[in-house]
All heavy atoms as atom14 arrays in JSON, in Angstrom:
{
  "sequence": "RTVKDGNDYLVVTVEDSGIGIKSEDYGKVFNSFQQFDAVKNRGIQGTG",
  "atom14_mask": [
    [1, 1, 1, 1, 1, 1, 1, 1, 1, 1, 1, 0, 0, 0],
    [1, 1, 1, 1, 1, 1, 1, 0, 0, 0, 0, 0, 0, 0],
    [1, 1, 1, 1, 1, 1, 1, 0, 0, 0, 0, 0, 0, 0],
    [1, 1, 1, 1, 1, 1, 1, 1, 1, 0, 0, 0, 0, 0],
    [1, 1, 1, 1, 1, 1, 1, 1, 0, 0, 0, 0, 0, 0],
    [1, 1, 1, 1, 0, 0, 0, 0, 0, 0, 0, 0, 0, 0],
    [1, 1, 1, 1, 1, 1, 1, 1, 0, 0, 0, 0, 0, 0],
    [1, 1, 1, 1, 1, 1, 1, 1, 0, 0, 0, 0, 0, 0],
    [1, 1, 1, 1, 1, 1, 1, 1, 1, 1, 1, 1, 0, 0],
    [1, 1, 1, 1, 1, 1, 1, 1, 0, 0, 0, 0, 0, 0],
    [1, 1, 1, 1, 1, 1, 1, 0, 0, 0, 0, 0, 0, 0],
    [1, 1, 1, 1, 1, 1, 1, 0, 0, 0, 0, 0, 0, 0],
    [1, 1, 1, 1, 1, 1, 1, 0, 0, 0, 0, 0, 0, 0],
    [1, 1, 1, 1, 1, 1, 1, 0, 0, 0, 0, 0, 0, 0],
    [1, 1, 1, 1, 1, 1, 1, 1, 1, 0, 0, 0, 0, 0],
    [1, 1, 1, 1, 1, 1, 1, 1, 0, 0, 0, 0, 0, 0],
    [1, 1, 1, 1, 1, 1, 0, 0, 0, 0, 0, 0, 0, 0],
    [1, 1, 1, 1, 0, 0, 0, 0, 0, 0, 0, 0, 0, 0],
    [1, 1, 1, 1, 1, 1, 1, 1, 0, 0, 0, 0, 0, 0],
    [1, 1, 1, 1, 0, 0, 0, 0, 0, 0, 0, 0, 0, 0],
    [1, 1, 1, 1, 1, 1, 1, 1, 0, 0, 0, 0, 0, 0],
    [1, 1, 1, 1, 1, 1, 1, 1, 1, 0, 0, 0, 0, 0],
    [1, 1, 1, 1, 1, 1, 0, 0, 0, 0, 0, 0, 0, 0],
    [1, 1, 1, 1, 1, 1, 1, 1, 1, 0, 0, 0, 0, 0],
    [1, 1, 1, 1, 1, 1, 1, 1, 0, 0, 0, 0, 0, 0],
    [1, 1, 1, 1, 1, 1, 1, 1, 1, 1, 1, 1, 0, 0],
    [1, 1, 1, 1, 0, 0, 0, 0, 0, 0, 0, 0, 0, 0],
    [1, 1, 1, 1, 1, 1, 1, 1, 1, 0, 0, 0, 0, 0],
    [1, 1, 1, 1, 1, 1, 1, 0, 0, 0, 0, 0, 0, 0],
    [1, 1, 1, 1, 1, 1, 1, 1, 1, 1, 1, 0, 0, 0],
    [1, 1, 1, 1, 1, 1, 1, 1, 0, 0, 0, 0, 0, 0],
    [1, 1, 1, 1, 1, 1, 0, 0, 0, 0, 0, 0, 0, 0],
    [1, 1, 1, 1, 1, 1, 1, 1, 1, 1, 1, 0, 0, 0],
    [1, 1, 1, 1, 1, 1, 1, 1, 1, 0, 0, 0, 0, 0],
    [1, 1, 1, 1, 1, 1, 1, 1, 1, 0, 0, 0, 0, 0],
    [1, 1, 1, 1, 1, 1, 1, 1, 1, 1, 1, 0, 0, 0],
    [1, 1, 1, 1, 1, 1, 1, 1, 0, 0, 0, 0, 0, 0],
    [1, 1, 1, 1, 1, 0, 0, 0, 0, 0, 0, 0, 0, 0],
    [1, 1, 1, 1, 1, 1, 1, 0, 0, 0, 0, 0, 0, 0],
    [1, 1, 1, 1, 1, 1, 1, 1, 1, 0, 0, 0, 0, 0],
    [1, 1, 1, 1, 1, 1, 1, 1, 0, 0, 0, 0, 0, 0],
    [1, 1, 1, 1, 1, 1, 1, 1, 1, 1, 1, 0, 0, 0],
    [1, 1, 1, 1, 0, 0, 0, 0, 0, 0, 0, 0, 0, 0],
    [1, 1, 1, 1, 1, 1, 1, 1, 0, 0, 0, 0, 0, 0],
    [1, 1, 1, 1, 1, 1, 1, 1, 1, 0, 0, 0, 0, 0],
    [1, 1, 1, 1, 0, 0, 0, 0, 0, 0, 0, 0, 0, 0],
    [1, 1, 1, 1, 1, 1, 1, 0, 0, 0, 0, 0, 0, 0],
    [1, 1, 1, 1, 0, 0, 0, 0, 0, 0, 0, 0, 0, 0]
  ],
  "atom14_positions": [
    [[-12.71, 10.91, -12.18], [-13.06, 10.13, -13.38], [-11.99, 10.35, -14.43], [-11.53, 11.48, -14.63], [-14.43, 10.57, -13.9], [-14.99, 9.75, -15.03], [-16.41, 10.19, -15.34], [-17.04, 9.36, -16.35], [-18.33, 9.43, -16.68], [-19.11, 10.31, -16.05], [-18.84, 8.64, -17.61], [0.0, 0.0, 0.0], [0.0, 0.0, 0.0], [0.0, 0.0, 0.0]],
    [[-11.6, 9.28, -15.12], [-10.58, 9.42, -16.15], [-10.83, 8.41, -17.26], [-11.6, 7.45, -17.09], [-9.17, 9.23, -15.56], [-8.19, 9.63, -16.51], [-8.92, 7.77, -15.19], [0.0, 0.0, 0.0], [0.0, 0.0, 0.0], [0.0, 0.0, 0.0], [0.0, 0.0, 0.0], [0.0, 0.0, 0.0], [0.0, 0.0, 0.0], [0.0, 0.0, 0.0]],
    [[-10.17, 8.63, -18.39], [-10.27, 7.71, -19.54], [-8.88, 7.16, -19.82], [-7.9, 7.91, -19.88], [-10.82, 8.44, -20.79], [-10.83, 7.48, -21.98], [-12.21, 8.97, -20.53], [0.0, 0.0, 0.0], [0.0, 0.0, 0.0], [0.0, 0.0, 0.0], [0.0, 0.0, 0.0], [0.0, 0.0, 0.0], [0.0, 0.0, 0.0], [0.0, 0.0, 0.0]],
    [[-8.79, 5.83, -19.96], [-7.5, 5.19, -20.26], [-7.75, 4.09, -21.28], [-8.61, 3.23, -21.08], [-6.89, 4.6, -18.98], [-5.51, 3.99, -19.2], [-4.91, 3.52, -17.89], [-3.52, 2.94, -18.11], [-2.89, 2.49, -16.86], [0.0, 0.0, 0.0], [0.0, 0.0, 0.0], [0.0, 0.0, 0.0], [0.0, 0.0, 0.0], [0.0, 0.0, 0.0]],
    [[-7.0, 4.16, -22.37], [-7.14, 3.18, -23.46], [-8.58, 3.1, -23.96], [-9.09, 2.02, -24.3], [-6.67, 1.79, -23.02], [-5.21, 1.78, -22.6], [-4.44, 2.58, -23.17], [-4.86, 1.0, -21.69], [0.0, 0.0, 0.0], [0.0, 0.0, 0.0], [0.0, 0.0, 0.0], [0.0, 0.0, 0.0], [0.0, 0.0, 0.0], [0.0, 0.0, 0.0]],
    [[-9.24, 4.27, -23.97], [-10.61, 4.32, -24.48], [-11.67, 3.86, -23.5], [-12.86, 3.82, -23.85], [0.0, 0.0, 0.0], [0.0, 0.0, 0.0], [0.0, 0.0, 0.0], [0.0, 0.0, 0.0], [0.0, 0.0, 0.0], [0.0, 0.0, 0.0], [0.0, 0.0, 0.0], [0.0, 0.0, 0.0], [0.0, 0.0, 0.0], [0.0, 0.0, 0.0]],
    [[-11.29, 3.51, -22.28], [-12.25, 3.03, -21.29], [-12.4, 4.03, -20.14], [-11.42, 4.65, -19.73], [-11.81, 1.68, -20.72], [-11.77, 0.6, -21.78], [-12.7, 0.46, -22.57], [-10.68, -0.17, -21.81], [0.0, 0.0, 0.0], [0.0, 0.0, 0.0], [0.0, 0.0, 0.0], [0.0, 0.0, 0.0], [0.0, 0.0, 0.0], [0.0, 0.0, 0.0]],
    [[-13.62, 4.14, -19.65], [-13.91, 5.02, -18.5], [-13.51, 4.33, -17.2], [-13.83, 3.15, -17.0], [-15.41, 5.34, -18.45], [-15.68, 6.76, -18.93], [-14.72, 7.43, -19.35], [-16.86, 7.18, -18.89], [0.0, 0.0, 0.0], [0.0, 0.0, 0.0], [0.0, 0.0, 0.0], [0.0, 0.0, 0.0], [0.0, 0.0, 0.0], [0.0, 0.0, 0.0]],
    [[-12.85, 5.07, -16.32], [-12.47, 4.52, -15.02], [-12.86, 5.48, -13.89], [-12.79, 6.71, -14.05], [-10.96, 4.28, -14.93], [-10.49, 3.07, -15.71], [-10.05, 3.2, -17.02], [-10.49, 1.8, -15.12], [-9.61, 2.09, -17.75], [-10.05, 0.69, -15.83], [-9.62, 0.85, -17.15], [-9.19, -0.25, -17.84], [0.0, 0.0, 0.0], [0.0, 0.0, 0.0]],
    [[-13.28, 4.9, -12.8], [-13.43, 5.63, -11.54], [-12.12, 5.46, -10.78], [-11.72, 4.34, -10.46], [-14.58, 5.05, -10.72], [-14.66, 5.49, -9.25], [-15.04, 6.96, -9.15], [-15.66, 4.64, -8.48], [0.0, 0.0, 0.0], [0.0, 0.0, 0.0], [0.0, 0.0, 0.0], [0.0, 0.0, 0.0], [0.0, 0.0, 0.0], [0.0, 0.0, 0.0]],
    [[-11.43, 6.57, -10.52], [-10.12, 6.51, -9.87], [-10.26, 6.98, -8.42], [-10.63, 8.13, -8.16], [-9.09, 7.38, -10.61], [-7.74, 7.31, -9.9], [-8.96, 6.92, -12.05], [0.0, 0.0, 0.0], [0.0, 0.0, 0.0], [0.0, 0.0, 0.0], [0.0, 0.0, 0.0], [0.0, 0.0, 0.0], [0.0, 0.0, 0.0], [0.0, 0.0, 0.0]],
    [[-9.98, 6.09, -7.49], [-10.0, 6.41, -6.07], [-8.57, 6.44, -5.57], [-7.82, 5.48, -5.72], [-10.81, 5.36, -5.27], [-10.73, 5.65, -3.78], [-12.26, 5.36, -5.73], [0.0, 0.0, 0.0], [0.0, 0.0, 0.0], [0.0, 0.0, 0.0], [0.0, 0.0, 0.0], [0.0, 0.0, 0.0], [0.0, 0.0, 0.0], [0.0, 0.0, 0.0]],
    [[-8.16, 7.58, -5.0], [-6.8, 7.7, -4.47], [-6.84, 7.91, -2.97], [-7.67, 8.66, -2.46], [-6.04, 8.88, -5.12], [-6.77, 10.08, -4.9], [-5.89, 8.66, -6.61], [0.0, 0.0, 0.0], [0.0, 0.0, 0.0], [0.0, 0.0, 0.0], [0.0, 0.0, 0.0], [0.0, 0.0, 0.0], [0.0, 0.0, 0.0], [0.0, 0.0, 0.0]],
    [[-5.95, 7.24, -2.28], [-5.81, 7.37, -0.83], [-4.36, 7.76, -0.55], [-3.44, 7.0, -0.85], [-6.16, 6.07, -0.1], [-5.97, 6.24, 1.4], [-7.6, 5.66, -0.4], [0.0, 0.0, 0.0], [0.0, 0.0, 0.0], [0.0, 0.0, 0.0], [0.0, 0.0, 0.0], [0.0, 0.0, 0.0], [0.0, 0.0, 0.0], [0.0, 0.0, 0.0]],
    [[-4.19, 8.95, 0.0], [-2.84, 9.47, 0.27], [-2.69, 9.73, 1.76], [-3.65, 10.12, 2.44], [-2.61, 10.75, -0.51], [-1.19, 11.3, -0.4], [-0.99, 12.55, -1.24], [-1.98, 13.07, -1.8], [0.15, 13.03, -1.32], [0.0, 0.0, 0.0], [0.0, 0.0, 0.0], [0.0, 0.0, 0.0], [0.0, 0.0, 0.0], [0.0, 0.0, 0.0]],
    [[-1.48, 9.49, 2.29], [-1.25, 9.74, 3.71], [0.14, 10.29, 3.92], [1.0, 10.22, 3.04], [-1.46, 8.46, 4.53], [-0.47, 7.37, 4.18], [0.75, 7.54, 4.46], [-0.88, 6.32, 3.64], [0.0, 0.0, 0.0], [0.0, 0.0, 0.0], [0.0, 0.0, 0.0], [0.0, 0.0, 0.0], [0.0, 0.0, 0.0], [0.0, 0.0, 0.0]],
    [[0.37, 10.82, 5.11], [1.69, 11.32, 5.5], [2.3, 10.37, 6.53], [2.95, 10.8, 7.46], [1.57, 12.73, 6.08], [0.71, 12.73, 7.21], [0.0, 0.0, 0.0], [0.0, 0.0, 0.0], [0.0, 0.0, 0.0], [0.0, 0.0, 0.0], [0.0, 0.0, 0.0], [0.0, 0.0, 0.0], [0.0, 0.0, 0.0], [0.0, 0.0, 0.0]],
    [[2.04, 9.08, 6.34], [2.46, 8.07, 7.3], [3.92, 7.65, 7.17], [4.75, 8.36, 6.61], [0.0, 0.0, 0.0], [0.0, 0.0, 0.0], [0.0, 0.0, 0.0], [0.0, 0.0, 0.0], [0.0, 0.0, 0.0], [0.0, 0.0, 0.0], [0.0, 0.0, 0.0], [0.0, 0.0, 0.0], [0.0, 0.0, 0.0], [0.0, 0.0, 0.0]],
    [[4.18, 6.43, 7.63], [5.58, 5.98, 7.73], [6.16, 5.6, 6.38], [7.39, 5.53, 6.22], [5.69, 4.78, 8.68], [4.81, 3.63, 8.19], [5.3, 5.17, 10.09], [4.91, 2.38, 9.02], [0.0, 0.0, 0.0], [0.0, 0.0, 0.0], [0.0, 0.0, 0.0], [0.0, 0.0, 0.0], [0.0, 0.0, 0.0], [0.0, 0.0, 0.0]],
    [[5.31, 5.34, 5.37], [5.82, 4.98, 4.06], [6.38, 3.57, 4.01], [6.34, 2.82, 5.0], [0.0, 0.0, 0.0], [0.0, 0.0, 0.0], [0.0, 0.0, 0.0], [0.0, 0.0, 0.0], [0.0, 0.0, 0.0], [0.0, 0.0, 0.0], [0.0, 0.0, 0.0], [0.0, 0.0, 0.0], [0.0, 0.0, 0.0], [0.0, 0.0, 0.0]],
    [[6.87, 3.2, 2.84], [7.37, 1.84, 2.61], [8.79, 1.93, 2.04], [9.05, 2.73, 1.13], [6.46, 1.08, 1.62], [5.02, 1.05, 2.16], [6.97, -0.34, 1.39], [4.01, 0.56, 1.14], [0.0, 0.0, 0.0], [0.0, 0.0, 0.0], [0.0, 0.0, 0.0], [0.0, 0.0, 0.0], [0.0, 0.0, 0.0], [0.0, 0.0, 0.0]],
    [[9.69, 1.12, 2.57], [11.06, 1.09, 2.05], [11.05, 0.53, 0.63], [10.27, -0.37, 0.3], [11.93, 0.21, 2.94], [12.13, 0.76, 4.34], [12.98, -0.21, 5.16], [13.19, 0.32, 6.59], [13.96, -0.62, 7.42], [0.0, 0.0, 0.0], [0.0, 0.0, 0.0], [0.0, 0.0, 0.0], [0.0, 0.0, 0.0], [0.0, 0.0, 0.0]],
    [[11.93, 1.05, -0.21], [11.96, 0.63, -1.61], [12.23, -0.87, -1.74], [11.69, -1.52, -2.63], [13.03, 1.43, -2.38], [14.3, 1.28, -1.75], [0.0, 0.0, 0.0], [0.0, 0.0, 0.0], [0.0, 0.0, 0.0], [0.0, 0.0, 0.0], [0.0, 0.0, 0.0], [0.0, 0.0, 0.0], [0.0, 0.0, 0.0], [0.0, 0.0, 0.0]],
    [[13.03, -1.44, -0.82], [13.33, -2.87, -0.91], [12.13, -3.75, -0.56], [12.14, -4.96, -0.8], [14.51, -3.24, 0.0], [14.33, -2.89, 1.46], [14.94, -1.56, 1.84], [14.93, -0.65, 0.98], [15.43, -1.43, 2.97], [0.0, 0.0, 0.0], [0.0, 0.0, 0.0], [0.0, 0.0, 0.0], [0.0, 0.0, 0.0], [0.0, 0.0, 0.0]],
    [[11.08, -3.13, 0.01], [9.89, -3.9, 0.37], [8.76, -3.75, -0.64], [7.68, -4.33, -0.46], [9.37, -3.44, 1.75], [10.26, -3.89, 2.89], [10.9, -4.95, 2.76], [10.32, -3.17, 3.91], [0.0, 0.0, 0.0], [0.0, 0.0, 0.0], [0.0, 0.0, 0.0], [0.0, 0.0, 0.0], [0.0, 0.0, 0.0], [0.0, 0.0, 0.0]],
    [[8.97, -2.99, -1.73], [7.91, -2.75, -2.71], [7.33, -4.07, -3.24], [6.12, -4.21, -3.41], [8.43, -1.93, -3.89], [8.57, -0.44, -3.62], [8.31, 0.08, -2.35], [8.94, 0.43, -4.63], [8.44, 1.44, -2.1], [9.08, 1.8, -4.39], [8.83, 2.29, -3.13], [8.96, 3.63, -2.88], [0.0, 0.0, 0.0], [0.0, 0.0, 0.0]],
    [[8.18, -5.02, -3.51], [7.74, -6.29, -4.1], [6.93, -7.16, -3.15], [6.32, -8.14, -3.59], [0.0, 0.0, 0.0], [0.0, 0.0, 0.0], [0.0, 0.0, 0.0], [0.0, 0.0, 0.0], [0.0, 0.0, 0.0], [0.0, 0.0, 0.0], [0.0, 0.0, 0.0], [0.0, 0.0, 0.0], [0.0, 0.0, 0.0], [0.0, 0.0, 0.0]],
    [[6.93, -6.82, -1.87], [6.22, -7.65, -0.89], [4.89, -7.04, -0.45], [4.17, -7.65, 0.34], [7.1, -7.81, 0.36], [8.49, -8.33, 0.09], [9.33, -8.3, 1.37], [10.78, -8.66, 1.12], [11.6, -8.52, 2.35], [0.0, 0.0, 0.0], [0.0, 0.0, 0.0], [0.0, 0.0, 0.0], [0.0, 0.0, 0.0], [0.0, 0.0, 0.0]],
    [[4.56, -5.85, -0.98], [3.39, -5.12, -0.47], [2.11, -5.94, -0.57], [1.27, -5.92, 0.33], [3.24, -3.78, -1.24], [1.87, -3.16, -0.98], [4.34, -2.83, -0.82], [0.0, 0.0, 0.0], [0.0, 0.0, 0.0], [0.0, 0.0, 0.0], [0.0, 0.0, 0.0], [0.0, 0.0, 0.0], [0.0, 0.0, 0.0], [0.0, 0.0, 0.0]],
    [[1.94, -6.67, -1.67], [0.69, -7.39, -1.88], [0.78, -8.86, -1.5], [-0.1, -9.65, -1.84], [0.23, -7.23, -3.34], [-0.01, -5.81, -3.73], [0.78, -5.19, -4.69], [-1.01, -5.06, -3.12], [0.56, -3.87, -5.05], [-1.24, -3.74, -3.48], [-0.45, -3.14, -4.44], [0.0, 0.0, 0.0], [0.0, 0.0, 0.0], [0.0, 0.0, 0.0]],
    [[1.85, -9.23, -0.78], [1.96, -10.61, -0.3], [0.99, -10.86, 0.85], [0.62, -9.93, 1.58], [3.38, -10.92, 0.16], [4.36, -11.0, -0.99], [3.96, -10.95, -2.15], [5.65, -11.13, -0.68], [0.0, 0.0, 0.0], [0.0, 0.0, 0.0], [0.0, 0.0, 0.0], [0.0, 0.0, 0.0], [0.0, 0.0, 0.0], [0.0, 0.0, 0.0]],
    [[0.62, -12.1, 1.04], [-0.3, -12.46, 2.13], [0.45, -12.62, 3.44], [1.61, -13.06, 3.46], [-1.01, -13.77, 1.8], [-1.67, -13.68, 0.55], [0.0, 0.0, 0.0], [0.0, 0.0, 0.0], [0.0, 0.0, 0.0], [0.0, 0.0, 0.0], [0.0, 0.0, 0.0], [0.0, 0.0, 0.0], [0.0, 0.0, 0.0], [0.0, 0.0, 0.0]],
    [[-0.23, -12.31, 4.54], [0.29, -12.5, 5.9], [1.65, -11.82, 6.09], [2.55, -12.39, 6.69], [0.42, -14.0, 6.24], [-0.87, -14.73, 6.15], [-1.13, -15.59, 5.08], [-1.84, -14.57, 7.12], [-2.33, -16.26, 5.0], [-3.05, -15.24, 7.04], [-3.3, -16.09, 5.97], [0.0, 0.0, 0.0], [0.0, 0.0, 0.0], [0.0, 0.0, 0.0]],
    [[1.8, -10.62, 5.57], [3.09, -9.95, 5.69], [2.93, -8.5, 6.07], [2.11, -7.78, 5.51], [3.86, -10.05, 4.36], [5.3, -9.57, 4.48], [6.24, -10.35, 3.57], [5.8, -11.02, 2.66], [7.51, -10.26, 3.82], [0.0, 0.0, 0.0], [0.0, 0.0, 0.0], [0.0, 0.0, 0.0], [0.0, 0.0, 0.0], [0.0, 0.0, 0.0]],
    [[3.72, -8.06, 7.07], [3.82, -6.67, 7.46], [5.29, -6.28, 7.44], [6.16, -7.12, 7.59], [3.25, -6.44, 8.86], [1.73, -6.46, 8.92], [1.22, -6.12, 10.31], [1.77, -6.56, 11.31], [0.17, -5.33, 10.37], [0.0, 0.0, 0.0], [0.0, 0.0, 0.0], [0.0, 0.0, 0.0], [0.0, 0.0, 0.0], [0.0, 0.0, 0.0]],
    [[5.55, -4.98, 7.27], [6.92, -4.5, 7.15], [7.32, -3.64, 8.34], [6.47, -3.12, 9.05], [7.09, -3.69, 5.85], [6.51, -4.36, 4.65], [5.47, -3.79, 3.94], [6.98, -5.6, 4.25], [4.92, -4.42, 2.85], [6.45, -6.25, 3.15], [5.41, -5.65, 2.45], [0.0, 0.0, 0.0], [0.0, 0.0, 0.0], [0.0, 0.0, 0.0]],
    [[8.61, -3.48, 8.47], [9.17, -2.55, 9.46], [8.61, -2.83, 10.85], [7.86, -2.05, 11.42], [8.87, -1.1, 9.05], [9.93, -0.14, 9.6], [10.56, -0.5, 10.61], [10.09, 0.95, 9.04], [0.0, 0.0, 0.0], [0.0, 0.0, 0.0], [0.0, 0.0, 0.0], [0.0, 0.0, 0.0], [0.0, 0.0, 0.0], [0.0, 0.0, 0.0]],
    [[9.0, -3.98, 11.39], [8.45, -4.45, 12.67], [8.69, -3.45, 13.8], [7.89, -3.36, 14.72], [9.07, -5.8, 13.02], [0.0, 0.0, 0.0], [0.0, 0.0, 0.0], [0.0, 0.0, 0.0], [0.0, 0.0, 0.0], [0.0, 0.0, 0.0], [0.0, 0.0, 0.0], [0.0, 0.0, 0.0], [0.0, 0.0, 0.0], [0.0, 0.0, 0.0]],
    [[9.79, -2.69, 13.73], [10.09, -1.74, 14.8], [9.09, -0.59, 14.79], [8.47, -0.27, 15.8], [11.54, -1.21, 14.67], [11.79, -0.14, 15.71], [12.53, -2.36, 14.82], [0.0, 0.0, 0.0], [0.0, 0.0, 0.0], [0.0, 0.0, 0.0], [0.0, 0.0, 0.0], [0.0, 0.0, 0.0], [0.0, 0.0, 0.0], [0.0, 0.0, 0.0]],
    [[8.91, 0.02, 13.62], [8.0, 1.17, 13.54], [6.54, 0.76, 13.66], [5.7, 1.52, 14.13], [8.2, 1.92, 12.22], [9.39, 2.87, 12.23], [9.28, 3.87, 11.1], [10.37, 4.93, 11.21], [10.22, 5.99, 10.2], [0.0, 0.0, 0.0], [0.0, 0.0, 0.0], [0.0, 0.0, 0.0], [0.0, 0.0, 0.0], [0.0, 0.0, 0.0]],
    [[6.23, -0.45, 13.22], [4.84, -0.89, 13.22], [4.47, -1.67, 14.47], [3.4, -2.28, 14.53], [4.56, -1.77, 11.99], [4.64, -0.97, 10.71], [4.45, 0.23, 10.73], [4.94, -1.63, 9.62], [0.0, 0.0, 0.0], [0.0, 0.0, 0.0], [0.0, 0.0, 0.0], [0.0, 0.0, 0.0], [0.0, 0.0, 0.0], [0.0, 0.0, 0.0]],
    [[5.35, -1.68, 15.44], [5.05, -2.41, 16.67], [3.77, -1.86, 17.31], [3.61, -0.65, 17.43], [6.21, -2.27, 17.65], [6.34, -3.47, 18.57], [7.65, -3.44, 19.28], [7.5, -2.81, 20.58], [8.52, -2.49, 21.37], [9.74, -2.71, 20.96], [8.32, -1.95, 22.53], [0.0, 0.0, 0.0], [0.0, 0.0, 0.0], [0.0, 0.0, 0.0]],
    [[2.89, -2.74, 17.71], [1.65, -2.31, 18.34], [0.5, -2.15, 17.36], [-0.63, -1.93, 17.77], [0.0, 0.0, 0.0], [0.0, 0.0, 0.0], [0.0, 0.0, 0.0], [0.0, 0.0, 0.0], [0.0, 0.0, 0.0], [0.0, 0.0, 0.0], [0.0, 0.0, 0.0], [0.0, 0.0, 0.0], [0.0, 0.0, 0.0], [0.0, 0.0, 0.0]],
    [[0.77, -2.26, 16.04], [-0.29, -2.18, 15.04], [-0.68, -3.59, 14.65], [0.12, -4.34, 14.09], [0.17, -1.38, 13.8], [0.53, 0.06, 14.2], [-0.91, -1.39, 12.74], [1.02, 0.9, 13.06], [0.0, 0.0, 0.0], [0.0, 0.0, 0.0], [0.0, 0.0, 0.0], [0.0, 0.0, 0.0], [0.0, 0.0, 0.0], [0.0, 0.0, 0.0]],
    [[-1.94, -3.97, 14.96], [-2.38, -5.33, 14.7], [-2.87, -5.49, 13.27], [-3.32, -4.57, 12.63], [-3.5, -5.73, 15.67], [-3.02, -6.05, 17.07], [-2.8, -4.8, 17.9], [-3.44, -3.79, 17.69], [-1.88, -4.86, 18.85], [0.0, 0.0, 0.0], [0.0, 0.0, 0.0], [0.0, 0.0, 0.0], [0.0, 0.0, 0.0], [0.0, 0.0, 0.0]],
    [[-2.82, -6.73, 12.8], [-3.33, -7.07, 11.47], [-2.68, -8.33, 10.97], [-1.6, -8.72, 11.43], [0.0, 0.0, 0.0], [0.0, 0.0, 0.0], [0.0, 0.0, 0.0], [0.0, 0.0, 0.0], [0.0, 0.0, 0.0], [0.0, 0.0, 0.0], [0.0, 0.0, 0.0], [0.0, 0.0, 0.0], [0.0, 0.0, 0.0], [0.0, 0.0, 0.0]],
    [[-3.34, -9.01, 10.01], [-2.78, -10.25, 9.48], [-1.93, -10.01, 8.26], [-1.22, -10.91, 7.82], [-3.92, -11.2, 9.08], [-4.73, -10.54, 8.12], [-4.75, -11.58, 10.28], [0.0, 0.0, 0.0], [0.0, 0.0, 0.0], [0.0, 0.0, 0.0], [0.0, 0.0, 0.0], [0.0, 0.0, 0.0], [0.0, 0.0, 0.0], [0.0, 0.0, 0.0]],
    [[-2.03, -8.83, 7.65], [-1.31, -8.6, 6.4], [-2.08, -9.14, 5.21], [-1.52, -9.33, 4.13], [0.0, 0.0, 0.0], [0.0, 0.0, 0.0], [0.0, 0.0, 0.0], [0.0, 0.0, 0.0], [0.0, 0.0, 0.0], [0.0, 0.0, 0.0], [0.0, 0.0, 0.0], [0.0, 0.0, 0.0], [0.0, 0.0, 0.0], [0.0, 0.0, 0.0]]
  ]
}
């Protein structure tokens, strides 16, 4: 639980030791139908 700009927030954090994201792909993270690093992510299904 934290307070920001006078408002109460529930903060949920999810951390992993996974493959990570390349800095050049940061801007695409929330795009639709997109996955990154096709070589490392081969075999992982999903629509993005």
